[in-house]
C-alpha cells in the first residue's frame, strides 16, 4: 500500500465482454473476475496478498498469448499484487468483487491500467489529482533545502537558523495542506475502501495517528469495517499502547554478538528506542544528530537502544561503524517483520520512542533540535 500507485493512470480501454451488465453482475454475486493482458510477457502471473505482514502468493495462472484469468470472492476490497518475472515491478491494486481488467502499457507491470474496481478508482484518483499538487510543492521545498545545504557545505558552515526555520515552516504548511486535501477528497467517497487506503498511506504508513483518527471518523461503517479499514483500527490500537504515559512494550532481542538485550536492562535511565536501518536514507541523515545527543547527555544518564530493520547482518554492522553509533544495538534481522517494530506499530523509519527511568513513554519521533531540546529540559 505504498506510493508507487500514485502514478497509475486510469484510462478507458476495457473489453466489451466485461462492460456494463457483466461488471454489475459479478459485484452482485459477491465474486470477482480478474482478467488481463500482459502483452509480450511470458511464464506465469502471480496473484499475491499480505498475510500477517508477509507477502503470500494466493494463486497463479499461466499466460496464454499474454492473457490470464483469476476468479474468487472477498469479504471486502483488499490490496493485492500481480507479479510476473519477465516484467519490472509488481502491480499493487485494490481487488474487489467485480469484473476487473488489467492491461499492461509499459515494461513495468506497476504502470498497468486497472479498470472495474471502484475502490481502486477512488484510491488512484487521489494520487492522480490532489497528491500531484502536493508533490509538486514538496519538490520545490526539497530543492531549496538541498541548495541551502550545498551552499552551507561549500562555505564550511551550517544552514543559518533563519533559513532553516523558513524551510521547516514551508513543510509544516504543506503538511496541513495535505491533511485538508485528504479530508476534502475522502469526504466525497466516505463509503469507499479506497478512502481508507488513502488514510492508511498518508497517515499510518507515514505516522500521524491523531490526524488518522480524525479522518477515519469521516468514513462510514462500511469503509471502517473493510479489511483496509480494520488495518487502520489495528494500527491505531497499537499506537494507543505506546501513547505518552503508557508503559513501554517489552523488547528482548539479540545484539550483534548474539547476546540477548532487554529494554528492562535500561530501567532507571532515559532511553531512546531508535528504529532505523542501514538502507534508510533519512535514518542515516538523522544519525549525526542522534550521535551528538548521545555524546552530550550519555554521562547524565541517557541511553540509546538501536533497533535495526535490516535483514542483512553485514550491512547493519557496516552502517553502525560508518556512522559511529556507539550505543547498544539489536536486531532479529527480519526486516519489516521485526518483532519490536510490530509491538511498537512502526510503519516507517526512522521512528523513535523516548522512555523514562520508570519504563514509561514520554516522547515519540523526536529528531534534530526537538530531541536536543527535550533532553536539555530533562537533564537540567
Foldseek 3Di string as FASTA:
>chain_A
DEDLLLPADADDDDDPVQDDPQFVVQQVVQKEKEKEFDAPAFAKKFKWDADPNRIDTPDMFGADNRIDIDMGGDPFWDWIWIDGPQAAEIAIFIDHRGYKYWYDDDSHSNRIHIPSDPLRCLQNVLSPPVVVVLVVLVVVLVVQVVVQQVVQVVVVHGRDPVSVVVSVVSVVVSVVVVLVSLLVSCLVVQLHLSSLVVLCHPDQLVPDLVSSVVSLVSHDPNNCPGPSNVVNVVLSVLQVCQPFPHFQDKDWFAFLVGDIDIPCVLAQAKEKEWEEELPDPVQLVQLVLVVVLCVVCVVVRYAYEYEYLALDSVSRVVSCVVSVPPGTYGYPSNHPVTPSCVSNSPNDPGKMFIAHNRRHTHDIPQTHPRVVVVVVVVRD
